Protein backbone atom coordinates (compact mmCIF):
# COMPACT_ATOMS: atom_id res chain seq x y z
CA MET A 1 22.95 -22.61 -30.46
CA ASN A 2 26.51 -22.23 -28.57
CA GLY A 3 30.12 -22.62 -28.81
CA ALA A 4 32.05 -23.41 -24.87
CA GLY A 5 28.30 -21.61 -23.51
CA ASN A 6 29.45 -18.58 -25.55
CA ALA A 7 25.09 -18.28 -27.10
CA PHE A 8 23.82 -17.19 -29.82
CA ILE A 9 20.27 -17.06 -31.73
CA VAL A 10 21.34 -18.21 -35.36
CA ILE A 11 19.36 -16.95 -38.26
CA ASP A 12 19.64 -18.66 -41.45
CA ARG A 13 18.71 -16.05 -44.24
CA ARG A 14 20.61 -17.29 -47.30
CA HIS A 15 17.40 -17.93 -49.10
CA ALA A 16 15.18 -15.54 -48.12
CA ALA A 17 13.61 -12.45 -50.15
CA GLY A 18 14.45 -8.72 -48.50
CA PRO A 19 16.18 -7.31 -45.25
CA SER A 20 15.36 -8.79 -42.07
CA GLY A 21 14.02 -5.73 -41.00
CA TYR A 22 15.07 -5.99 -37.00
CA SER A 23 16.09 -2.78 -35.29
CA GLU A 24 18.49 -2.03 -32.64
CA THR A 25 15.03 -2.51 -30.24
CA ASP A 26 14.15 -5.66 -32.26
CA ILE A 27 17.23 -7.34 -31.24
CA ALA A 28 18.05 -6.60 -27.77
CA ALA A 29 15.05 -7.64 -26.57
CA MET A 30 15.13 -10.91 -28.92
CA LEU A 31 18.17 -11.39 -27.33
CA THR A 32 17.11 -10.64 -23.68
CA VAL A 33 13.93 -11.97 -24.12
CA HIS A 34 15.86 -15.96 -24.76
CA ALA A 35 18.58 -14.86 -22.50
CA PHE A 36 21.33 -15.44 -25.39
CA ASP A 37 24.50 -13.26 -25.95
CA GLN A 38 24.38 -11.96 -29.21
CA LEU A 39 22.08 -12.67 -32.63
CA ILE A 40 23.84 -13.93 -35.74
CA VAL A 41 22.44 -13.32 -39.15
CA LEU A 42 23.80 -15.10 -42.08
CA ASP A 43 22.81 -13.57 -45.54
CA PRO A 44 23.20 -14.36 -48.64
CA SER A 45 27.10 -13.01 -50.60
CA ASP A 46 28.31 -13.00 -54.02
CA ASP A 47 31.88 -13.01 -52.65
CA ALA A 48 31.43 -16.35 -50.35
CA ASP A 49 29.00 -19.39 -49.00
CA ALA A 50 27.61 -16.36 -46.63
CA ASP A 51 27.70 -12.51 -45.56
CA LEU A 52 27.97 -13.31 -41.68
CA ARG A 53 26.55 -10.02 -39.75
CA VAL A 54 26.38 -10.10 -35.21
CA TRP A 55 24.63 -8.30 -32.73
CA ASN A 56 25.06 -7.60 -29.32
CA ASN A 57 22.52 -7.81 -26.70
CA ASP A 58 22.54 -4.19 -26.10
CA GLY A 59 21.04 -3.71 -29.86
CA GLY A 60 24.83 -2.42 -31.69
CA GLU A 61 26.04 -4.94 -34.39
CA VAL A 62 30.33 -5.40 -34.27
CA GLY A 63 32.44 -7.20 -36.37
CA ALA A 64 33.56 -10.23 -35.49
CA CYS A 65 32.45 -12.54 -33.41
CA GLY A 66 34.71 -16.00 -33.34
CA ASN A 67 32.13 -18.62 -31.34
CA GLY A 68 29.57 -17.47 -33.40
CA THR A 69 31.12 -18.30 -36.47
CA ARG A 70 32.06 -21.60 -35.57
CA ALA A 71 29.00 -22.36 -34.73
CA ALA A 72 27.06 -20.71 -38.53
CA ALA A 73 29.96 -23.06 -39.77
CA TRP A 74 29.04 -25.66 -38.34
CA LEU A 75 25.06 -24.87 -39.04
CA LEU A 76 26.13 -25.26 -42.67
CA PHE A 77 28.02 -27.84 -42.02
CA GLU A 78 25.45 -29.88 -40.97
CA ASP A 79 23.24 -28.60 -44.20
CA GLY A 80 25.33 -30.54 -46.24
CA VAL A 81 27.31 -27.76 -47.44
CA LYS A 82 31.23 -29.28 -48.37
CA PRO A 83 33.19 -29.08 -45.66
CA HIS A 84 35.73 -25.67 -46.48
CA LEU A 85 33.07 -22.45 -45.66
CA ARG A 86 34.39 -18.51 -46.11
CA PHE A 87 31.88 -15.67 -45.41
CA THR A 88 32.03 -11.84 -45.90
CA SER A 89 31.72 -9.96 -42.29
CA ALA A 90 31.94 -6.30 -41.01
CA GLY A 91 35.04 -7.92 -39.15
CA GLY A 92 37.21 -9.11 -43.05
CA LEU A 93 36.80 -12.55 -44.93
CA MET A 94 36.59 -15.62 -42.78
CA SER A 95 37.06 -18.85 -43.45
CA ALA A 96 35.68 -22.45 -41.69
CA GLN A 97 36.83 -25.87 -41.99
CA ARG A 98 34.67 -28.99 -39.94
CA LEU A 99 36.67 -31.13 -37.69
CA ALA A 100 35.19 -33.69 -35.73
CA LYS A 101 30.82 -34.34 -35.12
CA GLY A 102 30.40 -30.35 -33.56
CA ALA A 103 32.99 -28.85 -33.49
CA ALA A 104 34.65 -25.91 -36.07
CA GLU A 105 37.52 -24.62 -36.51
CA VAL A 106 37.41 -20.39 -38.31
CA ASP A 107 40.44 -18.39 -39.58
CA LEU A 108 39.80 -15.15 -38.74
CA GLY A 109 42.02 -13.59 -40.59
CA PRO A 110 45.10 -11.64 -39.37
CA ALA A 111 45.59 -9.68 -36.31
CA ARG A 112 45.53 -6.31 -36.45
CA LEU A 113 48.26 -4.61 -34.08
CA ASP A 114 48.34 -1.06 -35.24
CA TRP A 115 46.54 1.48 -33.20
CA ARG A 116 44.68 2.87 -35.42
CA GLN A 117 43.34 -0.35 -36.14
CA ILE A 118 42.47 -0.96 -33.11
CA PRO A 119 41.15 1.74 -32.87
CA LEU A 120 43.00 3.65 -29.69
CA SER A 121 42.29 7.90 -29.70
CA LEU A 122 45.86 8.74 -29.68
CA PRO A 123 49.13 7.02 -31.04
CA MET A 124 50.35 4.50 -28.46
CA ASP A 125 52.27 0.91 -28.21
CA THR A 126 49.87 -1.69 -28.62
CA VAL A 127 52.77 -4.66 -26.95
CA ARG A 128 51.74 -3.11 -23.66
CA LEU A 129 48.99 0.14 -23.38
CA ASP A 130 50.34 3.20 -21.86
CA PHE A 131 46.60 2.29 -19.28
CA GLY A 132 44.95 0.86 -16.76
CA VAL A 133 42.50 0.81 -14.61
CA ASN A 134 42.03 1.32 -10.65
CA LEU A 135 40.29 -1.19 -8.31
CA PRO A 136 38.56 -0.90 -5.78
CA ASP A 137 41.05 -2.51 -2.75
CA GLY A 138 43.94 -0.31 -3.97
CA GLY A 139 44.82 -1.97 -6.33
CA ARG A 140 45.62 -1.43 -9.99
CA LEU A 141 46.19 -3.20 -13.42
CA GLU A 142 47.53 -1.95 -16.27
CA GLY A 143 50.32 -2.59 -19.20
CA PRO A 144 47.22 -4.69 -20.95
CA GLY A 145 48.23 -6.00 -24.57
CA ALA A 146 45.73 -4.37 -27.40
CA VAL A 147 44.48 -6.24 -30.36
CA SER A 148 41.67 -6.00 -33.23
CA MET A 149 40.31 -9.22 -34.21
CA GLY A 150 38.06 -7.78 -36.64
CA ASN A 151 36.53 -6.53 -33.15
CA PRO A 152 39.06 -4.19 -30.32
CA HIS A 153 40.21 -5.80 -27.58
CA VAL A 154 42.92 -5.11 -24.52
CA VAL A 155 44.39 -8.26 -22.32
CA PHE A 156 45.56 -7.91 -18.79
CA ALA A 157 47.87 -10.81 -17.66
CA VAL A 158 46.65 -10.75 -14.13
CA ASP A 159 47.76 -13.44 -11.61
CA ASP A 160 44.94 -14.26 -9.57
CA LEU A 161 41.42 -14.17 -11.87
CA ASP A 162 38.81 -15.21 -9.88
CA SER A 163 39.48 -12.84 -7.45
CA LEU A 164 39.18 -9.42 -10.26
CA PRO A 165 36.29 -7.39 -9.87
CA ILE A 166 35.53 -7.79 -13.44
CA THR A 167 31.66 -6.99 -13.69
CA GLY A 168 32.41 -3.54 -11.57
CA ILE A 169 35.70 -2.51 -13.39
CA GLY A 170 34.48 -3.89 -17.04
CA PRO A 171 32.42 -0.62 -17.71
CA ASP A 172 34.48 1.17 -16.64
CA ILE A 173 36.90 0.23 -19.44
CA GLU A 174 34.95 -0.63 -22.08
CA HIS A 175 33.97 3.06 -21.93
CA ASP A 176 37.32 4.95 -21.31
CA PRO A 177 38.08 8.00 -23.96
CA LEU A 178 41.01 5.92 -24.94
CA PHE A 179 39.10 3.51 -27.45
CA PRO A 180 36.40 5.50 -29.17
CA GLU A 181 34.54 2.55 -30.25
CA ARG A 182 34.16 0.80 -26.82
CA VAL A 183 36.51 -2.66 -26.26
CA ASN A 184 36.42 -5.74 -25.26
CA SER A 185 38.12 -6.62 -21.57
CA GLY A 186 39.71 -9.68 -21.58
CA PHE A 187 41.72 -11.11 -17.92
CA ALA A 188 44.23 -13.82 -18.70
CA GLN A 189 46.03 -16.09 -16.31
CA VAL A 190 48.68 -17.70 -17.39
CA ARG A 191 48.95 -21.22 -15.99
CA ASP A 192 51.65 -22.61 -18.82
CA ARG A 193 53.00 -21.05 -21.83
CA ASP A 194 50.59 -22.82 -23.94
CA ASP A 195 47.08 -22.78 -20.87
CA ILE A 196 45.39 -19.99 -20.67
CA ARG A 197 42.91 -19.16 -18.39
CA LEU A 198 40.54 -16.27 -19.49
CA LYS A 199 37.33 -13.96 -18.74
CA VAL A 200 36.14 -11.73 -21.39
CA PHE A 201 33.90 -8.59 -20.04
CA GLU A 202 32.49 -7.86 -23.64
CA ARG A 203 31.21 -4.85 -25.35
CA GLY A 204 27.70 -4.23 -25.09
CA ALA A 205 27.15 -7.87 -24.04
CA GLY A 206 29.14 -8.35 -20.19
CA LEU A 207 30.91 -10.33 -18.39
CA THR A 208 29.82 -13.58 -20.70
CA LEU A 209 30.68 -17.53 -20.06
CA ALA A 210 33.65 -17.91 -23.11
CA CYS A 211 34.62 -14.74 -25.78
CA GLY A 212 36.28 -16.76 -29.48
CA THR A 213 37.86 -13.26 -30.31
CA GLY A 214 38.71 -12.79 -26.94
CA ALA A 215 40.34 -16.04 -26.78
CA CYS A 216 42.19 -15.17 -30.48
CA ALA A 217 43.03 -11.39 -28.44
CA ALA A 218 44.28 -13.05 -25.50
CA LEU A 219 47.02 -15.50 -27.85
CA VAL A 220 48.35 -12.83 -29.47
CA ALA A 221 48.25 -10.22 -26.68
CA LEU A 222 50.15 -12.76 -24.27
CA HIS A 223 52.62 -14.20 -27.15
CA ARG A 224 53.51 -10.73 -27.89
CA GLN A 225 54.32 -9.83 -24.16
CA GLY A 226 56.20 -12.99 -24.12
CA LEU A 227 54.08 -14.58 -21.53
CA ALA A 228 52.95 -17.56 -24.26
CA ASN A 229 53.52 -19.98 -27.48
CA ARG A 230 51.93 -18.90 -30.28
CA GLU A 231 49.16 -22.34 -30.06
CA ALA A 232 47.64 -23.12 -26.54
CA VAL A 233 44.56 -23.74 -24.73
CA ILE A 234 42.67 -20.90 -23.62
CA GLU A 235 40.00 -21.99 -21.11
CA ALA A 236 36.54 -20.15 -20.21
CA ASP A 237 33.82 -20.74 -17.74
CA GLY A 238 32.52 -22.69 -20.40
CA GLY A 239 34.88 -24.65 -22.28
CA LYS A 240 37.78 -25.17 -23.48
CA LEU A 241 39.47 -23.00 -26.68
CA PRO A 242 42.60 -24.07 -28.48
CA VAL A 243 43.53 -21.03 -30.80
CA ARG A 244 46.81 -20.65 -32.77
CA TRP A 245 48.76 -17.86 -35.01
CA ASP A 246 50.04 -18.91 -38.06
CA SER A 247 53.20 -17.81 -39.28
CA GLU A 248 51.44 -15.75 -41.50
CA GLY A 249 49.64 -13.60 -39.17
CA HIS A 250 45.63 -15.46 -39.01
CA VAL A 251 44.75 -16.23 -36.35
CA HIS A 252 43.17 -19.79 -35.49
CA LEU A 253 39.86 -20.51 -33.34
CA SER A 254 38.42 -24.32 -32.49
CA GLY A 255 36.61 -26.14 -30.23
CA PRO A 256 33.11 -27.21 -29.18
CA VAL A 257 29.23 -26.10 -30.67
CA GLU A 258 25.74 -26.98 -29.65
CA LEU A 259 22.49 -27.01 -31.80
CA GLU A 260 20.17 -26.00 -27.91
CA ARG A 261 17.19 -25.59 -29.71
CA GLU A 262 15.10 -24.01 -32.46
CA LEU A 263 12.63 -20.67 -31.83
CA ASP A 264 9.62 -19.35 -32.76
CA LEU A 265 11.55 -14.95 -33.57
CA ARG A 266 7.71 -14.72 -34.39
CA GLY A 267 6.27 -11.21 -32.71
CA LEU A 268 9.78 -9.71 -32.69
């Protein structure tokens, strides 16, 4: 499946017996062979419609995936489950509602804004971090906002997104000692207060066509810096993602979902 080009393998194990048995090596091989960004696994949950787990294509498990949650929700909606769902996950409780055909909205819960929640390795104001990265041409990006959406993000406001060497600087940011759990790096060009273009270098996955939690983090970070409204369309290379940060602090993500094909995963 994919959500705005953000590509996933989704395994529905709600009625399966026993654990999946996939190792990090299995997962990395599975995603590499089939050229997908993340693996989403749905397991039974006593407290929700399903428990949702997410792995990146390096085999590492992560706490949240916005577009992946939308894809999983759409799959369950098509399976005839009620039009409102709840998921438990490592990133917290999430809910979803069905929109028009081929679309779903998820409530990813509250944005986490304290430095300990990101997490950072030392106390810092997360509205604008005392942090930056040097560019190959001698310039420098500084002062990103930091937000956790169940996974850690930093978001840089930039003037010219297309000129940035994102694949060159992304790994340096991801592995900087300030981020003990590594970090996803967002680069946002504000075209208007409700119209933002975004690229995200995801930890363990690299540059992807879209990142749902990255879009949510971008809206929150840019609003806190006075650059965006609480509701905007975030345009990724793979499509447009409407995002809303409500008055209770919850962040809502919607957008398109596509079922691409079914895979035979035997042997992996």
